[in-house]
Amino acid sequence: MDDFTNMIKEMNKDLDERRRLFDSIQPLYMDLILLSIGPDCSDEVFLRAAGIERI
């Protein structure tokens, strides 16, 4: 295989590792967001705090 193909494979492996790491910390991250904004926030505020934009 050529260098370009190997580079793409390495990038995909790195992306998979990052995705697994994110999946493992996501529940904790969401709990921290909930604690920081409190129970009285609207869905819009929660989504913005979580970095999620509505379509």
N, C-alpha and C. Protein backbone atom coordinates (compact mmCIF):
# COMPACT_ATOMS: atom_id res chain seq x y z
N MET A 1 0.84 -1.19 0.00
CA MET A 1 0.00 0.00 0.00
C MET A 1 0.87 1.25 0.00
N ASP A 2 0.31 2.30 -0.51
CA ASP A 2 1.10 3.52 -0.58
C ASP A 2 0.99 4.31 0.73
N ASP A 3 1.81 5.33 0.83
CA ASP A 3 1.87 6.14 2.05
C ASP A 3 0.55 6.84 2.35
N PHE A 4 -0.12 7.28 1.32
CA PHE A 4 -1.39 7.99 1.52
C PHE A 4 -2.43 7.07 2.16
N THR A 5 -2.53 5.84 1.67
CA THR A 5 -3.48 4.87 2.23
C THR A 5 -3.14 4.58 3.68
N ASN A 6 -1.88 4.41 3.98
CA ASN A 6 -1.46 4.16 5.36
C ASN A 6 -1.80 5.35 6.26
N MET A 7 -1.60 6.54 5.75
CA MET A 7 -1.91 7.75 6.52
C MET A 7 -3.41 7.80 6.84
N ILE A 8 -4.24 7.48 5.87
CA ILE A 8 -5.70 7.48 6.08
C ILE A 8 -6.08 6.43 7.13
N LYS A 9 -5.47 5.26 7.06
CA LYS A 9 -5.77 4.20 8.04
C LYS A 9 -5.39 4.65 9.45
N GLU A 10 -4.25 5.30 9.58
CA GLU A 10 -3.81 5.80 10.89
C GLU A 10 -4.77 6.87 11.41
N MET A 11 -5.22 7.75 10.53
CA MET A 11 -6.16 8.79 10.93
C MET A 11 -7.47 8.17 11.41
N ASN A 12 -7.93 7.14 10.72
CA ASN A 12 -9.17 6.46 11.12
C ASN A 12 -9.01 5.78 12.47
N LYS A 13 -7.85 5.17 12.72
CA LYS A 13 -7.60 4.54 14.03
C LYS A 13 -7.64 5.59 15.12
N ASP A 14 -7.00 6.74 14.87
CA ASP A 14 -6.98 7.83 15.86
C ASP A 14 -8.39 8.34 16.12
N LEU A 15 -9.17 8.47 15.08
CA LEU A 15 -10.56 8.93 15.22
C LEU A 15 -11.38 7.93 16.04
N ASP A 16 -11.20 6.64 15.79
CA ASP A 16 -11.90 5.62 16.56
C ASP A 16 -11.53 5.68 18.03
N GLU A 17 -10.24 5.89 18.33
CA GLU A 17 -9.80 6.01 19.73
C GLU A 17 -10.42 7.23 20.39
N ARG A 18 -10.46 8.35 19.69
CA ARG A 18 -11.07 9.56 20.25
C ARG A 18 -12.57 9.36 20.48
N ARG A 19 -13.22 8.66 19.56
CA ARG A 19 -14.66 8.40 19.70
C ARG A 19 -14.93 7.53 20.93
N ARG A 20 -14.10 6.50 21.13
CA ARG A 20 -14.26 5.64 22.31
C ARG A 20 -14.04 6.43 23.60
N LEU A 21 -13.04 7.29 23.61
CA LEU A 21 -12.77 8.12 24.78
C LEU A 21 -13.95 9.04 25.06
N PHE A 22 -14.46 9.70 24.02
CA PHE A 22 -15.60 10.59 24.20
C PHE A 22 -16.81 9.82 24.73
N ASP A 23 -17.08 8.64 24.18
CA ASP A 23 -18.21 7.83 24.63
C ASP A 23 -18.08 7.45 26.10
N SER A 24 -16.84 7.25 26.56
CA SER A 24 -16.65 6.86 27.95
C SER A 24 -16.84 8.04 28.91
N ILE A 25 -16.55 9.27 28.47
CA ILE A 25 -16.69 10.41 29.37
C ILE A 25 -17.99 11.18 29.16
N GLN A 26 -18.73 10.89 28.12
CA GLN A 26 -19.94 11.66 27.82
C GLN A 26 -20.96 11.66 28.96
N PRO A 27 -21.27 10.53 29.61
CA PRO A 27 -22.25 10.58 30.71
C PRO A 27 -21.81 11.53 31.83
N LEU A 28 -20.53 11.51 32.18
CA LEU A 28 -20.02 12.41 33.21
C LEU A 28 -20.14 13.86 32.76
N TYR A 29 -19.80 14.13 31.51
CA TYR A 29 -19.88 15.48 30.95
C TYR A 29 -21.32 15.99 31.02
N MET A 30 -22.28 15.15 30.65
CA MET A 30 -23.68 15.58 30.69
C MET A 30 -24.13 15.83 32.12
N ASP A 31 -23.70 15.01 33.08
CA ASP A 31 -24.04 15.24 34.49
C ASP A 31 -23.48 16.58 34.97
N LEU A 32 -22.26 16.89 34.56
CA LEU A 32 -21.67 18.17 34.96
C LEU A 32 -22.44 19.35 34.38
N ILE A 33 -22.90 19.22 33.16
CA ILE A 33 -23.70 20.28 32.54
C ILE A 33 -24.99 20.47 33.33
N LEU A 34 -25.65 19.37 33.66
CA LEU A 34 -26.91 19.47 34.42
C LEU A 34 -26.69 20.12 35.77
N LEU A 35 -25.61 19.76 36.44
CA LEU A 35 -25.32 20.35 37.75
C LEU A 35 -25.01 21.84 37.63
N SER A 36 -24.34 22.24 36.56
CA SER A 36 -23.90 23.62 36.44
C SER A 36 -25.03 24.56 36.04
N ILE A 37 -26.05 24.07 35.34
CA ILE A 37 -27.11 24.98 34.90
C ILE A 37 -28.37 24.85 35.73
N GLY A 38 -28.45 23.82 36.57
CA GLY A 38 -29.58 23.69 37.48
C GLY A 38 -30.82 23.11 36.83
N PRO A 39 -31.82 22.81 37.67
CA PRO A 39 -33.01 22.12 37.20
C PRO A 39 -34.05 23.01 36.50
N ASP A 40 -33.90 24.33 36.60
CA ASP A 40 -34.94 25.24 36.10
C ASP A 40 -34.66 25.79 34.71
N CYS A 41 -33.71 25.24 34.01
CA CYS A 41 -33.39 25.78 32.70
C CYS A 41 -34.31 25.19 31.63
N SER A 42 -34.45 25.93 30.56
CA SER A 42 -35.26 25.45 29.44
C SER A 42 -34.45 24.46 28.61
N ASP A 43 -35.13 23.73 27.74
CA ASP A 43 -34.44 22.81 26.84
C ASP A 43 -33.42 23.54 25.98
N GLU A 44 -33.78 24.73 25.53
CA GLU A 44 -32.89 25.49 24.66
C GLU A 44 -31.57 25.84 25.37
N VAL A 45 -31.68 26.26 26.64
CA VAL A 45 -30.49 26.59 27.41
C VAL A 45 -29.63 25.35 27.62
N PHE A 46 -30.30 24.23 27.94
CA PHE A 46 -29.56 22.99 28.15
C PHE A 46 -28.82 22.58 26.88
N LEU A 47 -29.51 22.62 25.76
CA LEU A 47 -28.88 22.21 24.50
C LEU A 47 -27.71 23.12 24.15
N ARG A 48 -27.86 24.42 24.38
CA ARG A 48 -26.76 25.34 24.11
C ARG A 48 -25.57 25.05 25.02
N ALA A 49 -25.85 24.78 26.31
CA ALA A 49 -24.77 24.47 27.25
C ALA A 49 -24.06 23.18 26.88
N ALA A 50 -24.79 22.26 26.31
CA ALA A 50 -24.21 20.98 25.89
C ALA A 50 -23.50 21.08 24.55
N GLY A 51 -23.58 22.25 23.91
CA GLY A 51 -22.93 22.42 22.61
C GLY A 51 -23.72 21.82 21.47
N ILE A 52 -25.02 21.64 21.69
CA ILE A 52 -25.88 21.04 20.67
C ILE A 52 -26.75 22.12 20.07
N GLU A 53 -26.75 22.21 18.77
CA GLU A 53 -27.58 23.21 18.10
C GLU A 53 -28.79 22.54 17.50
N ARG A 54 -29.92 23.18 17.65
CA ARG A 54 -31.14 22.62 17.04
C ARG A 54 -31.11 22.86 15.55
N ILE A 55 -31.72 21.94 14.84
CA ILE A 55 -31.78 22.07 13.38
C ILE A 55 -33.03 22.84 13.01
